[in-house]
C-alpha cells in the first residue's frame, strides 16, 4: 500500500473518532475472548506517536487524560473478562470450537496462571492472546476479586503508559535529533511490533509440544 494512502487513512481515523476506536479495541482485546487477534501493542505504540493529534481532536484534552481513558478501557475490559469467566467460564469447554475460539488458548492461559499465580494478571498485559484469556481464567478459578482488581489496575497502567509514552517520546526524540517523523513509516513500525510481541506467543500456542496442562486440568477448571 502506498505510504501516502496509509498516512491519509490514519489521519482520517484520528479525525473521525480515533480515540473511541482505540478504546474499543483495548476493551475488546482485554475483555472479550473473540478479541485475542486485535493488535493492542502496536495500536497503543502508534497511538503514542499520534498522541498530540489524539488529544487535540478529543476536545484539546491533556495527553494525560487520553492515557487515563485508555487505562480505564483496559481495566474495564479485564473486569468483563473476569466476570465472564466467573459466571460462564466452565461452559467454554462445552462450546464448539471455531476459528475465533480454541480451547487450547484457554488451557495455555491456565498453565500461565498456574506458573505465575496472581501476578499473571499483571504480566499477561504484555503478552498477546494470553492477556485476553488471563482474566477469564482468573474468573474461572475464582481469584480473590480485590486482589484481581489491584493487579488489573497496576498491570493496565504499566502496559498503557509504557506503550503510549514509548511511542510518544520516541517520536519526539527522532523528530528533534534527526528532523524525521516516525509517522512516515507507521505501517512498518506496526508490523515490527506485532511480529516482536506476537510470534513468540503464537509459536508456543500452535507449535509447542508441551501437553496442554495436567491430564485432569480441564476437569479441574470445570468444577
N, C-alpha and C. Protein backbone atom coordinates (compact mmCIF):
# COMPACT_ATOMS: atom_id res chain seq x y z
N UNK A 1 0.84 -1.20 0.00
CA UNK A 1 0.00 0.00 0.00
C UNK A 1 0.87 1.24 0.00
N UNK A 2 0.46 2.24 -0.74
CA UNK A 2 1.21 3.48 -0.83
C UNK A 2 1.27 4.16 0.53
N UNK A 3 2.46 4.63 0.91
CA UNK A 3 2.63 5.24 2.22
C UNK A 3 1.74 6.46 2.38
N UNK A 4 1.53 7.20 1.30
CA UNK A 4 0.66 8.35 1.38
C UNK A 4 -0.75 7.96 1.74
N UNK A 5 -1.21 6.84 1.19
CA UNK A 5 -2.56 6.37 1.48
C UNK A 5 -2.67 5.89 2.93
N UNK A 6 -1.63 5.22 3.40
CA UNK A 6 -1.62 4.77 4.80
C UNK A 6 -1.70 5.97 5.73
N UNK A 7 -0.88 6.98 5.44
CA UNK A 7 -0.88 8.19 6.25
C UNK A 7 -2.26 8.85 6.24
N UNK A 8 -2.85 8.95 5.06
CA UNK A 8 -4.17 9.56 4.93
C UNK A 8 -5.22 8.77 5.70
N UNK A 9 -5.11 7.43 5.64
CA UNK A 9 -6.08 6.59 6.34
C UNK A 9 -5.99 6.79 7.85
N UNK A 10 -4.75 6.83 8.37
CA UNK A 10 -4.56 7.03 9.81
C UNK A 10 -5.06 8.41 10.22
N UNK A 11 -4.75 9.41 9.42
CA UNK A 11 -5.23 10.76 9.71
C UNK A 11 -6.76 10.79 9.74
N UNK A 12 -7.37 10.07 8.80
CA UNK A 12 -8.83 10.04 8.73
C UNK A 12 -9.41 9.40 9.99
N UNK A 13 -8.78 8.32 10.47
CA UNK A 13 -9.26 7.65 11.68
C UNK A 13 -9.18 8.59 12.87
N UNK A 14 -8.05 9.30 12.99
CA UNK A 14 -7.86 10.22 14.11
C UNK A 14 -8.90 11.33 14.08
N UNK A 15 -9.16 11.85 12.90
CA UNK A 15 -10.12 12.95 12.76
C UNK A 15 -11.56 12.49 12.91
N UNK A 16 -11.79 11.19 12.82
CA UNK A 16 -13.16 10.68 12.89
C UNK A 16 -13.32 9.65 14.02
N UNK A 17 -12.91 10.08 15.19
CA UNK A 17 -13.11 9.23 16.37
C UNK A 17 -12.03 8.22 16.62
N UNK A 18 -10.79 8.56 16.32
CA UNK A 18 -9.69 7.62 16.53
C UNK A 18 -9.55 7.15 17.96
N UNK A 19 -9.77 8.04 18.92
CA UNK A 19 -9.65 7.67 20.32
C UNK A 19 -10.73 6.66 20.70
N UNK A 20 -11.94 6.87 20.20
CA UNK A 20 -13.03 5.94 20.52
C UNK A 20 -12.76 4.56 19.93
N UNK A 21 -12.19 4.55 18.74
CA UNK A 21 -11.82 3.28 18.10
C UNK A 21 -10.78 2.56 18.94
N UNK A 22 -9.78 3.30 19.42
CA UNK A 22 -8.72 2.70 20.22
C UNK A 22 -9.27 2.18 21.55
N UNK A 23 -10.16 2.94 22.17
CA UNK A 23 -10.77 2.50 23.42
C UNK A 23 -11.53 1.19 23.23
N UNK A 24 -12.23 1.09 22.11
CA UNK A 24 -12.98 -0.13 21.83
C UNK A 24 -12.04 -1.32 21.65
N UNK A 25 -10.96 -1.13 20.89
CA UNK A 25 -10.02 -2.22 20.64
C UNK A 25 -9.37 -2.69 21.94
N UNK A 26 -8.94 -1.75 22.77
CA UNK A 26 -8.30 -2.11 24.04
C UNK A 26 -9.29 -2.85 24.93
N UNK A 27 -10.51 -2.36 24.98
CA UNK A 27 -11.54 -3.03 25.79
C UNK A 27 -11.82 -4.43 25.27
N UNK A 28 -11.98 -4.55 23.96
CA UNK A 28 -12.33 -5.85 23.36
C UNK A 28 -11.21 -6.86 23.51
N UNK A 29 -9.96 -6.40 23.35
CA UNK A 29 -8.84 -7.35 23.42
C UNK A 29 -8.65 -7.88 24.84
N UNK A 30 -8.98 -7.05 25.83
CA UNK A 30 -8.77 -7.48 27.21
C UNK A 30 -10.04 -8.01 27.87
N UNK A 31 -11.20 -7.82 27.21
CA UNK A 31 -12.44 -8.23 27.85
C UNK A 31 -13.27 -9.25 27.11
N UNK A 32 -13.05 -9.42 25.81
CA UNK A 32 -13.85 -10.35 25.02
C UNK A 32 -12.94 -11.41 24.42
N UNK A 33 -13.25 -12.67 24.64
CA UNK A 33 -12.33 -13.72 24.16
C UNK A 33 -12.19 -13.72 22.65
N UNK A 34 -13.15 -13.13 21.93
CA UNK A 34 -13.03 -13.05 20.48
C UNK A 34 -12.09 -11.93 20.05
N UNK A 35 -11.57 -11.16 21.03
CA UNK A 35 -10.69 -10.04 20.69
C UNK A 35 -9.22 -10.37 20.75
N UNK A 36 -8.88 -11.67 20.87
CA UNK A 36 -7.48 -12.05 21.06
C UNK A 36 -6.60 -11.68 19.87
N UNK A 37 -7.21 -11.54 18.67
CA UNK A 37 -6.41 -11.27 17.47
C UNK A 37 -6.16 -9.78 17.26
N UNK A 38 -6.74 -8.93 18.08
CA UNK A 38 -6.60 -7.49 17.88
C UNK A 38 -5.19 -7.03 18.26
N UNK A 39 -4.65 -6.04 17.52
CA UNK A 39 -3.25 -5.60 17.71
C UNK A 39 -3.09 -4.55 18.79
N UNK A 40 -3.29 -4.94 20.05
CA UNK A 40 -3.24 -3.97 21.13
C UNK A 40 -1.91 -3.26 21.29
N UNK A 41 -0.80 -4.01 21.28
CA UNK A 41 0.52 -3.40 21.49
C UNK A 41 0.85 -2.39 20.40
N UNK A 42 0.72 -2.80 19.15
CA UNK A 42 1.07 -1.90 18.05
C UNK A 42 0.14 -0.70 18.00
N UNK A 43 -1.13 -0.91 18.35
CA UNK A 43 -2.08 0.20 18.35
C UNK A 43 -1.72 1.23 19.41
N UNK A 44 -1.38 0.77 20.61
CA UNK A 44 -1.01 1.70 21.68
C UNK A 44 0.27 2.45 21.34
N UNK A 45 1.25 1.75 20.77
CA UNK A 45 2.50 2.41 20.41
C UNK A 45 2.25 3.46 19.32
N UNK A 46 1.45 3.09 18.33
CA UNK A 46 1.12 4.04 17.26
C UNK A 46 0.33 5.21 17.81
N UNK A 47 -0.57 4.92 18.76
CA UNK A 47 -1.35 5.99 19.38
C UNK A 47 -0.44 6.96 20.12
N UNK A 48 0.65 6.43 20.71
CA UNK A 48 1.61 7.30 21.38
C UNK A 48 2.29 8.23 20.39
N UNK A 49 2.59 7.71 19.21
CA UNK A 49 3.21 8.54 18.17
C UNK A 49 2.26 9.66 17.75
N UNK A 50 0.97 9.37 17.76
CA UNK A 50 -0.05 10.34 17.36
C UNK A 50 -0.75 10.96 18.58
N UNK A 51 -0.11 10.91 19.73
CA UNK A 51 -0.76 11.34 20.96
C UNK A 51 -1.19 12.80 20.94
N UNK A 52 -0.36 13.66 20.37
CA UNK A 52 -0.73 15.08 20.30
C UNK A 52 -1.99 15.28 19.47
N UNK A 53 -2.07 14.56 18.34
CA UNK A 53 -3.24 14.68 17.48
C UNK A 53 -4.49 14.13 18.16
N UNK A 54 -4.34 13.01 18.85
CA UNK A 54 -5.48 12.41 19.55
C UNK A 54 -6.01 13.34 20.63
N UNK A 55 -5.11 13.94 21.40
CA UNK A 55 -5.55 14.85 22.46
C UNK A 55 -6.19 16.10 21.88
N UNK A 56 -5.66 16.58 20.77
CA UNK A 56 -6.23 17.77 20.13
C UNK A 56 -7.64 17.50 19.62
N UNK A 57 -7.84 16.34 19.03
CA UNK A 57 -9.16 16.00 18.49
C UNK A 57 -10.15 15.63 19.59
N UNK A 58 -9.65 15.29 20.77
CA UNK A 58 -10.54 14.98 21.89
C UNK A 58 -10.67 16.20 22.79
N UNK A 59 -11.26 17.23 22.24
CA UNK A 59 -11.56 18.47 22.96
C UNK A 59 -10.31 19.15 23.52
N UNK A 60 -9.18 18.98 22.84
CA UNK A 60 -7.91 19.57 23.29
C UNK A 60 -7.56 19.15 24.73
N UNK A 61 -7.92 17.94 25.06
CA UNK A 61 -7.65 17.43 26.41
C UNK A 61 -6.15 17.19 26.59
N UNK A 62 -5.64 17.31 27.82
CA UNK A 62 -4.23 16.99 28.08
C UNK A 62 -3.96 15.53 27.72
N UNK A 63 -2.73 15.25 27.32
CA UNK A 63 -2.41 13.88 26.93
C UNK A 63 -2.59 12.91 28.10
N UNK A 64 -2.45 13.42 29.32
CA UNK A 64 -2.65 12.56 30.49
C UNK A 64 -4.09 12.04 30.55
N UNK A 65 -5.04 12.86 30.11
CA UNK A 65 -6.45 12.45 30.11
C UNK A 65 -6.67 11.35 29.08
N UNK A 66 -6.05 11.50 27.92
CA UNK A 66 -6.17 10.48 26.87
C UNK A 66 -5.62 9.14 27.37
N UNK A 67 -4.45 9.19 27.99
CA UNK A 67 -3.84 7.97 28.52
C UNK A 67 -4.71 7.36 29.61
N UNK A 68 -5.27 8.22 30.47
CA UNK A 68 -6.14 7.74 31.55
C UNK A 68 -7.36 7.01 31.00
N UNK A 69 -7.95 7.54 29.94
CA UNK A 69 -9.12 6.91 29.33
C UNK A 69 -8.78 5.52 28.79
N UNK A 70 -7.60 5.39 28.20
CA UNK A 70 -7.18 4.09 27.67
C UNK A 70 -6.94 3.10 28.82
N UNK A 71 -6.35 3.59 29.91
CA UNK A 71 -6.15 2.73 31.08
C UNK A 71 -7.49 2.23 31.62
N UNK A 72 -8.46 3.14 31.68
CA UNK A 72 -9.80 2.76 32.16
C UNK A 72 -10.42 1.70 31.26
N UNK A 73 -10.25 1.86 29.94
CA UNK A 73 -10.78 0.87 28.99
C UNK A 73 -10.15 -0.50 29.23
N UNK A 74 -8.85 -0.51 29.51
CA UNK A 74 -8.15 -1.76 29.78
C UNK A 74 -8.64 -2.40 31.08
N UNK A 75 -8.80 -1.59 32.11
CA UNK A 75 -9.27 -2.10 33.40
C UNK A 75 -10.68 -2.67 33.28
N UNK A 76 -11.56 -1.92 32.61
CA UNK A 76 -12.94 -2.38 32.44
C UNK A 76 -13.00 -3.65 31.60
N UNK A 77 -12.16 -3.72 30.57
CA UNK A 77 -12.12 -4.92 29.74
C UNK A 77 -11.76 -6.15 30.55
N UNK A 78 -10.74 -6.01 31.39
CA UNK A 78 -10.34 -7.14 32.24
C UNK A 78 -11.44 -7.53 33.22
N UNK A 79 -12.15 -6.53 33.73
CA UNK A 79 -13.23 -6.82 34.67
C UNK A 79 -14.34 -7.62 33.99
N UNK A 80 -14.64 -7.27 32.74
CA UNK A 80 -15.65 -8.02 31.99
C UNK A 80 -15.17 -9.45 31.76
N UNK A 81 -13.88 -9.61 31.40
CA UNK A 81 -13.33 -10.94 31.21
C UNK A 81 -13.41 -11.77 32.48
N UNK A 82 -13.08 -11.14 33.61
CA UNK A 82 -13.16 -11.83 34.91
C UNK A 82 -14.59 -12.25 35.21
N UNK A 83 -15.53 -11.34 35.01
CA UNK A 83 -16.94 -11.63 35.27
C UNK A 83 -17.43 -12.77 34.37
N UNK A 84 -17.02 -12.73 33.10
CA UNK A 84 -17.43 -13.77 32.16
C UNK A 84 -16.90 -15.13 32.60
N UNK A 85 -15.63 -15.16 33.00
CA UNK A 85 -15.04 -16.41 33.46
C UNK A 85 -15.69 -16.90 34.74
N UNK A 86 -16.00 -15.97 35.63
CA UNK A 86 -16.61 -16.31 36.92
C UNK A 86 -17.99 -16.91 36.74
N UNK A 87 -18.75 -16.33 35.80
CA UNK A 87 -20.14 -16.74 35.61
C UNK A 87 -20.31 -17.91 34.63
N UNK A 88 -19.55 -17.88 33.55
CA UNK A 88 -19.80 -18.86 32.48
C UNK A 88 -18.57 -19.58 31.99
N UNK A 89 -17.42 -19.36 32.63
CA UNK A 89 -16.18 -19.95 32.16
C UNK A 89 -16.21 -21.44 31.88
N UNK A 90 -16.68 -22.26 32.84
CA UNK A 90 -16.70 -23.71 32.60
C UNK A 90 -17.48 -24.12 31.36
N UNK A 91 -18.48 -23.33 30.98
CA UNK A 91 -19.28 -23.65 29.80
C UNK A 91 -18.46 -23.56 28.51
N UNK A 92 -17.33 -22.85 28.58
CA UNK A 92 -16.49 -22.72 27.39
C UNK A 92 -15.98 -24.08 26.93
N UNK A 93 -15.84 -25.01 27.86
CA UNK A 93 -15.32 -26.32 27.49
C UNK A 93 -16.37 -27.18 26.79
N UNK A 94 -17.60 -26.71 26.80
CA UNK A 94 -18.66 -27.40 26.08
C UNK A 94 -19.00 -26.67 24.78
N UNK A 95 -18.37 -25.52 24.60
CA UNK A 95 -18.62 -24.71 23.41
C UNK A 95 -17.91 -25.32 22.20
N UNK A 96 -18.58 -25.29 21.08
CA UNK A 96 -17.98 -25.79 19.85
C UNK A 96 -16.84 -24.87 19.42
N UNK A 97 -15.71 -25.47 19.04
CA UNK A 97 -14.55 -24.67 18.64
C UNK A 97 -14.77 -24.05 17.27
N UNK A 98 -14.30 -22.81 17.14
CA UNK A 98 -14.34 -22.08 15.87
C UNK A 98 -12.99 -21.43 15.67
N UNK A 99 -12.82 -20.73 14.55
CA UNK A 99 -11.53 -20.05 14.34
C UNK A 99 -11.34 -18.91 15.32
N UNK A 100 -12.42 -18.45 15.95
CA UNK A 100 -12.32 -17.39 16.95
C UNK A 100 -12.11 -17.95 18.36
N UNK A 101 -12.40 -19.21 18.55
CA UNK A 101 -12.25 -19.80 19.88
C UNK A 101 -11.56 -21.16 19.79
N UNK A 102 -10.46 -21.27 20.50
CA UNK A 102 -9.74 -22.53 20.61
C UNK A 102 -9.55 -22.83 22.10
N UNK A 103 -10.00 -24.00 22.50
CA UNK A 103 -9.91 -24.38 23.91
C UNK A 103 -8.47 -24.36 24.41
N UNK A 104 -7.53 -24.67 23.52
CA UNK A 104 -6.13 -24.71 23.95
C UNK A 104 -5.62 -23.34 24.36
N UNK A 105 -6.19 -22.26 23.81
CA UNK A 105 -5.79 -20.92 24.25
C UNK A 105 -6.13 -20.74 25.73
N UNK A 106 -7.29 -21.21 26.10
CA UNK A 106 -7.72 -21.10 27.49
C UNK A 106 -6.84 -21.95 28.40
N UNK A 107 -6.49 -23.14 27.94
CA UNK A 107 -5.64 -24.02 28.73
C UNK A 107 -4.22 -23.48 28.86
N UNK A 108 -3.73 -22.82 27.80
CA UNK A 108 -2.39 -22.20 27.88
C UNK A 108 -2.41 -21.08 28.91
N UNK A 109 -3.49 -20.30 28.91
CA UNK A 109 -3.61 -19.23 29.89
C UNK A 109 -3.67 -19.81 31.30
N UNK A 110 -4.33 -20.95 31.45
CA UNK A 110 -4.39 -21.62 32.76
C UNK A 110 -2.99 -22.10 33.17
N UNK A 111 -2.23 -22.64 32.23
CA UNK A 111 -0.84 -23.03 32.51
C UNK A 111 -0.04 -21.83 33.00
N UNK A 112 -0.24 -20.70 32.31
CA UNK A 112 0.47 -19.47 32.66
C UNK A 112 0.08 -19.04 34.06
N UNK A 113 -1.21 -19.13 34.36
CA UNK A 113 -1.70 -18.75 35.68
C UNK A 113 -1.13 -19.66 36.76
N UNK A 114 -1.07 -20.95 36.47
CA UNK A 114 -0.52 -21.90 37.45
C UNK A 114 0.95 -21.61 37.73
N UNK A 115 1.67 -21.11 36.72
CA UNK A 115 3.10 -20.84 36.87
C UNK A 115 3.36 -19.52 37.61
N UNK A 116 2.65 -18.46 37.22
CA UNK A 116 2.92 -17.13 37.77
C UNK A 116 1.95 -16.72 38.87
N UNK A 117 0.89 -17.48 39.06
CA UNK A 117 -0.06 -17.14 40.11
C UNK A 117 -0.78 -15.83 39.83
N UNK A 118 -1.04 -15.09 40.89
CA UNK A 118 -1.81 -13.85 40.77
C UNK A 118 -1.11 -12.82 39.89
N UNK A 119 0.23 -12.90 39.83
CA UNK A 119 0.98 -11.97 39.01
C UNK A 119 0.70 -12.10 37.53
N UNK A 120 0.02 -13.20 37.15
CA UNK A 120 -0.35 -13.40 35.75
C UNK A 120 -1.14 -12.22 35.21
N UNK A 121 -2.03 -11.68 36.04
CA UNK A 121 -2.89 -10.58 35.59
C UNK A 121 -2.06 -9.36 35.21
N UNK A 122 -0.93 -9.17 35.89
CA UNK A 122 -0.03 -8.06 35.56
C UNK A 122 0.82 -8.39 34.34
N UNK A 123 1.48 -9.55 34.38
CA UNK A 123 2.40 -9.94 33.31
C UNK A 123 1.67 -10.13 31.99
N UNK A 124 0.48 -10.69 32.03
CA UNK A 124 -0.26 -11.02 30.81
C UNK A 124 -0.58 -9.80 29.96
N UNK A 125 -0.60 -8.63 30.57
CA UNK A 125 -0.88 -7.42 29.80
C UNK A 125 0.11 -7.23 28.66
N UNK A 126 1.30 -7.75 28.81
CA UNK A 126 2.34 -7.57 27.80
C UNK A 126 2.45 -8.77 26.85
N UNK A 127 1.51 -9.70 26.95
CA UNK A 127 1.55 -10.91 26.12
C UNK A 127 0.27 -11.05 25.31
N UNK A 128 0.35 -10.85 23.99
CA UNK A 128 -0.83 -11.02 23.14
C UNK A 128 -1.45 -12.40 23.34
N UNK A 129 -2.73 -12.49 23.16
CA UNK A 129 -3.53 -13.71 23.31
C UNK A 129 -3.68 -14.07 24.79
N UNK A 130 -2.54 -14.21 25.51
CA UNK A 130 -2.62 -14.52 26.93
C UNK A 130 -3.39 -13.45 27.68
N UNK A 131 -3.19 -12.17 27.32
CA UNK A 131 -3.87 -11.10 28.05
C UNK A 131 -5.39 -11.14 27.85
N UNK A 132 -5.84 -11.76 26.75
CA UNK A 132 -7.27 -11.89 26.52
C UNK A 132 -7.88 -12.96 27.43
N UNK A 133 -7.16 -14.07 27.59
CA UNK A 133 -7.72 -15.20 28.32
C UNK A 133 -7.36 -15.21 29.81
N UNK A 134 -6.34 -14.46 30.22
CA UNK A 134 -5.93 -14.46 31.63
C UNK A 134 -7.04 -14.02 32.57
N UNK A 135 -7.75 -12.91 32.30
CA UNK A 135 -8.82 -12.53 33.22
C UNK A 135 -9.97 -13.53 33.24
N UNK A 136 -10.22 -14.20 32.11
CA UNK A 136 -11.26 -15.22 32.07
C UNK A 136 -10.88 -16.38 32.98
N UNK A 137 -9.60 -16.80 32.89
CA UNK A 137 -9.11 -17.88 33.75
C UNK A 137 -9.19 -17.47 35.22
N UNK A 138 -8.83 -16.21 35.51
CA UNK A 138 -8.89 -15.72 36.89
C UNK A 138 -10.31 -15.82 37.43
N UNK A 139 -11.29 -15.54 36.57
CA UNK A 139 -12.68 -15.68 36.98
C UNK A 139 -13.08 -17.12 37.18
N UNK A 140 -12.61 -18.00 36.30
CA UNK A 140 -12.94 -19.42 36.39
C UNK A 140 -12.42 -20.02 37.70
N UNK A 141 -11.18 -19.66 38.07
CA UNK A 141 -10.59 -20.23 39.29
C UNK A 141 -10.99 -19.45 40.54
N UNK A 142 -11.88 -18.47 40.35
CA UNK A 142 -12.42 -17.67 41.46
C UNK A 142 -11.32 -16.93 42.22
N UNK A 143 -10.42 -16.29 41.47
CA UNK A 143 -9.37 -15.48 42.09
C UNK A 143 -10.03 -14.40 42.94
N UNK A 144 -9.45 -14.12 44.11
CA UNK A 144 -9.98 -13.10 45.00
C UNK A 144 -10.18 -11.79 44.25
N UNK A 145 -11.40 -11.26 44.27
CA UNK A 145 -11.74 -10.11 43.44
C UNK A 145 -10.92 -8.85 43.77
N UNK A 146 -10.79 -8.45 45.04
CA UNK A 146 -9.97 -7.27 45.34
C UNK A 146 -8.53 -7.42 44.85
N UNK A 147 -7.97 -8.62 45.01
CA UNK A 147 -6.60 -8.86 44.54
C UNK A 147 -6.54 -8.75 43.02
N UNK A 148 -7.54 -9.31 42.34
CA UNK A 148 -7.60 -9.21 40.89
C UNK A 148 -7.65 -7.76 40.45
N UNK A 149 -8.47 -6.97 41.13
CA UNK A 149 -8.63 -5.56 40.77
C UNK A 149 -7.30 -4.81 40.91
N UNK A 150 -6.57 -5.09 41.98
CA UNK A 150 -5.28 -4.42 42.20
C UNK A 150 -4.29 -4.75 41.08
N UNK A 151 -4.14 -6.04 40.78
CA UNK A 151 -3.23 -6.44 39.70
C UNK A 151 -3.71 -5.91 38.35
N UNK A 152 -5.00 -5.89 38.17
CA UNK A 152 -5.60 -5.38 36.95
C UNK A 152 -5.26 -3.91 36.74
N UNK A 153 -5.44 -3.11 37.78
CA UNK A 153 -5.18 -1.67 37.68
C UNK A 153 -3.70 -1.40 37.41
N UNK A 154 -2.83 -2.01 38.21
CA UNK A 154 -1.40 -1.75 38.03
C UNK A 154 -0.87 -2.32 36.71
N UNK A 155 -1.40 -3.46 36.30
CA UNK A 155 -1.00 -4.02 35.00
C UNK A 155 -1.43 -3.14 33.85
N UNK A 156 -2.65 -2.61 33.94
CA UNK A 156 -3.16 -1.73 32.89
C UNK A 156 -2.36 -0.44 32.81
N UNK A 157 -2.03 0.11 33.97
CA UNK A 157 -1.23 1.33 34.00
C UNK A 157 0.14 1.09 33.36
N UNK A 158 0.80 0.01 33.77
CA UNK A 158 2.14 -0.29 33.24
C UNK A 158 2.10 -0.51 31.73
N UNK A 159 1.12 -1.27 31.26
CA UNK A 159 1.01 -1.59 29.83
C UNK A 159 0.72 -0.36 28.99
N UNK A 160 -0.31 0.36 29.34
CA UNK A 160 -0.73 1.52 28.55
C UNK A 160 0.32 2.63 28.58
N UNK A 161 0.81 2.95 29.77
CA UNK A 161 1.78 4.04 29.90
C UNK A 161 3.07 3.71 29.16
N UNK A 162 3.59 2.49 29.32
CA UNK A 162 4.85 2.14 28.67
C UNK A 162 4.72 2.16 27.15
N UNK A 163 3.62 1.63 26.62
CA UNK A 163 3.44 1.58 25.17
C UNK A 163 3.19 2.97 24.59
N UNK A 164 2.27 3.71 25.19
CA UNK A 164 1.91 5.01 24.62
C UNK A 164 3.01 6.05 24.79
N UNK A 165 3.58 6.12 25.99
CA UNK A 165 4.66 7.09 26.19
C UNK A 165 5.93 6.66 25.45
N UNK A 166 6.10 5.34 25.26
CA UNK A 166 7.23 4.87 24.46
C UNK A 166 7.14 5.42 23.05
N UNK A 167 5.95 5.31 22.45
CA UNK A 167 5.75 5.84 21.10
C UNK A 167 5.85 7.35 21.07
N UNK A 168 5.30 8.00 22.09
CA UNK A 168 5.29 9.47 22.14
C UNK A 168 6.71 10.04 22.23
N UNK A 169 7.49 9.54 23.18
CA UNK A 169 8.83 10.09 23.38
C UNK A 169 9.80 9.68 22.28
N UNK A 170 9.60 8.50 21.71
CA UNK A 170 10.46 8.11 20.59
C UNK A 170 10.21 9.01 19.39
N UNK A 171 8.95 9.34 19.14
CA UNK A 171 8.62 10.26 18.05
C UNK A 171 9.23 11.63 18.30
N UNK A 172 9.12 12.13 19.53
CA UNK A 172 9.67 13.44 19.87
C UNK A 172 11.19 13.45 19.74
N UNK A 173 11.85 12.38 20.19
CA UNK A 173 13.30 12.30 20.14
C UNK A 173 13.80 12.24 18.70
N UNK A 174 13.18 11.39 17.90
CA UNK A 174 13.59 11.25 16.50
C UNK A 174 13.36 12.55 15.74
N UNK A 175 12.25 13.21 16.04
CA UNK A 175 11.93 14.45 15.36
C UNK A 175 12.94 15.54 15.72
N UNK A 176 13.32 15.58 17.00
CA UNK A 176 14.24 16.62 17.46
C UNK A 176 15.67 16.38 16.99
N UNK A 177 16.14 15.14 17.06
CA UNK A 177 17.54 14.85 16.74
C UNK A 177 17.80 14.63 15.25
N UNK A 178 16.81 14.08 14.56
CA UNK A 178 17.03 13.73 13.15
C UNK A 178 16.09 14.45 12.19
N UNK A 179 15.23 15.31 12.74
CA UNK A 179 14.27 16.03 11.91
C UNK A 179 13.49 15.06 11.03
N UNK A 180 13.03 13.99 11.67
CA UNK A 180 12.37 12.90 10.95
C UNK A 180 11.17 12.45 11.76
N UNK A 181 10.09 12.09 11.10
CA UNK A 181 8.89 11.66 11.81
C UNK A 181 8.62 10.17 11.60
N UNK A 182 8.35 9.48 12.69
CA UNK A 182 8.01 8.06 12.61
C UNK A 182 6.68 7.85 11.89
N UNK A 183 5.90 8.89 11.80
CA UNK A 183 4.59 8.78 11.14
C UNK A 183 4.74 8.44 9.66
N UNK A 184 5.91 8.76 9.10
CA UNK A 184 6.14 8.47 7.69
C UNK A 184 6.27 6.97 7.43
N UNK A 185 6.54 6.20 8.49
CA UNK A 185 6.68 4.75 8.33
C UNK A 185 5.89 4.01 9.41
N UNK A 186 4.72 4.53 9.71
CA UNK A 186 3.93 3.97 10.81
C UNK A 186 3.53 2.53 10.54
N UNK A 187 3.27 2.19 9.25
CA UNK A 187 2.84 0.83 8.95
C UNK A 187 3.96 -0.18 9.21
N UNK A 188 5.20 0.20 8.89
CA UNK A 188 6.34 -0.69 9.13
C UNK A 188 6.56 -0.87 10.63
N UNK A 189 6.42 0.21 11.38
CA UNK A 189 6.58 0.14 12.84
C UNK A 189 5.54 -0.78 13.45
N UNK A 190 4.30 -0.66 12.98
CA UNK A 190 3.22 -1.50 13.50
C UNK A 190 3.49 -2.98 13.23
N UNK A 191 3.97 -3.27 12.02
CA UNK A 191 4.26 -4.66 11.65
C UNK A 191 5.37 -5.23 12.53
N UNK A 192 6.42 -4.45 12.75
CA UNK A 192 7.55 -4.91 13.57
C UNK A 192 7.08 -5.20 15.00
N UNK A 193 6.27 -4.31 15.56
CA UNK A 193 5.79 -4.51 16.93
C UNK A 193 4.92 -5.76 17.02
N UNK A 194 4.05 -5.94 16.03
CA UNK A 194 3.18 -7.12 16.00
C UNK A 194 4.01 -8.39 15.96
N UNK A 195 5.05 -8.40 15.11
CA UNK A 195 5.89 -9.58 14.98
C UNK A 195 6.65 -9.87 16.27
N UNK A 196 7.22 -8.82 16.87
CA UNK A 196 8.02 -9.00 18.09
C UNK A 196 7.17 -9.52 19.24
N UNK A 197 5.96 -8.96 19.39
CA UNK A 197 5.13 -9.32 20.54
C UNK A 197 4.28 -10.56 20.32
N UNK A 198 3.99 -10.88 19.07
CA UNK A 198 3.04 -11.95 18.80
C UNK A 198 3.68 -13.29 18.44
N UNK A 199 4.74 -13.27 17.63
CA UNK A 199 5.32 -14.53 17.15
C UNK A 199 5.73 -15.50 18.27
N UNK A 200 6.42 -15.03 19.33
CA UNK A 200 6.79 -15.99 20.38
C UNK A 200 5.58 -16.67 21.02
N UNK A 201 4.52 -15.88 21.24
CA UNK A 201 3.31 -16.43 21.85
C UNK A 201 2.62 -17.39 20.91
N UNK A 202 2.52 -17.00 19.63
CA UNK A 202 1.88 -17.87 18.64
C UNK A 202 2.65 -19.19 18.50
N UNK A 203 3.97 -19.11 18.55
CA UNK A 203 4.78 -20.32 18.45
C UNK A 203 4.46 -21.28 19.59
N UNK A 204 4.39 -20.73 20.81
CA UNK A 204 4.09 -21.58 21.96
C UNK A 204 2.69 -22.17 21.88
N UNK A 205 1.74 -21.34 21.37
CA UNK A 205 0.36 -21.79 21.32
C UNK A 205 0.13 -22.88 20.28
N UNK A 206 0.77 -22.72 19.12
CA UNK A 206 0.46 -23.61 18.00
C UNK A 206 1.51 -24.70 17.72
N UNK A 207 2.75 -24.50 18.20
CA UNK A 207 3.80 -25.46 17.85
C UNK A 207 4.46 -26.12 19.05
N UNK A 208 4.15 -25.62 20.24
CA UNK A 208 4.75 -26.24 21.42
C UNK A 208 4.25 -27.67 21.57
N UNK A 209 5.18 -28.58 21.89
CA UNK A 209 4.81 -29.99 22.07
C UNK A 209 4.45 -30.30 23.51
N UNK A 210 4.54 -29.28 24.36
CA UNK A 210 4.19 -29.49 25.76
C UNK A 210 2.71 -29.79 25.89
N UNK A 211 2.33 -30.79 26.68
CA UNK A 211 0.92 -31.12 26.85
C UNK A 211 0.15 -29.92 27.37
N UNK A 212 -1.11 -29.81 26.97
CA UNK A 212 -1.93 -28.68 27.39
C UNK A 212 -2.37 -28.88 28.84
N UNK A 213 -1.51 -28.55 29.76
CA UNK A 213 -1.84 -28.64 31.16
C UNK A 213 -1.76 -30.07 31.68
N UNK A 214 -2.13 -30.24 32.91
CA UNK A 214 -2.14 -31.57 33.51
C UNK A 214 -3.30 -32.37 32.92
N UNK A 215 -3.24 -33.70 32.94
CA UNK A 215 -4.28 -34.53 32.38
C UNK A 215 -5.66 -34.19 32.89
N UNK A 216 -5.76 -33.83 34.17
CA UNK A 216 -7.07 -33.56 34.74
C UNK A 216 -7.40 -32.07 34.79
N UNK A 217 -6.57 -31.25 34.13
CA UNK A 217 -6.73 -29.80 34.27
C UNK A 217 -8.08 -29.31 33.78
N UNK A 218 -8.52 -29.85 32.65
CA UNK A 218 -9.81 -29.41 32.12
C UNK A 218 -10.93 -29.76 33.08
N UNK A 219 -10.84 -30.94 33.69
CA UNK A 219 -11.87 -31.33 34.65
C UNK A 219 -11.83 -30.44 35.88
N UNK A 220 -10.60 -30.05 36.29
CA UNK A 220 -10.46 -29.20 37.46
C UNK A 220 -11.09 -27.84 37.22
N UNK A 221 -10.93 -27.30 36.01
CA UNK A 221 -11.48 -26.00 35.70
C UNK A 221 -13.00 -26.06 35.66
N UNK A 222 -13.53 -27.18 35.21
CA UNK A 222 -14.97 -27.30 35.09
C UNK A 222 -15.68 -27.32 36.44
N UNK A 223 -14.94 -27.70 37.48
CA UNK A 223 -15.58 -27.85 38.79
C UNK A 223 -16.05 -26.50 39.32
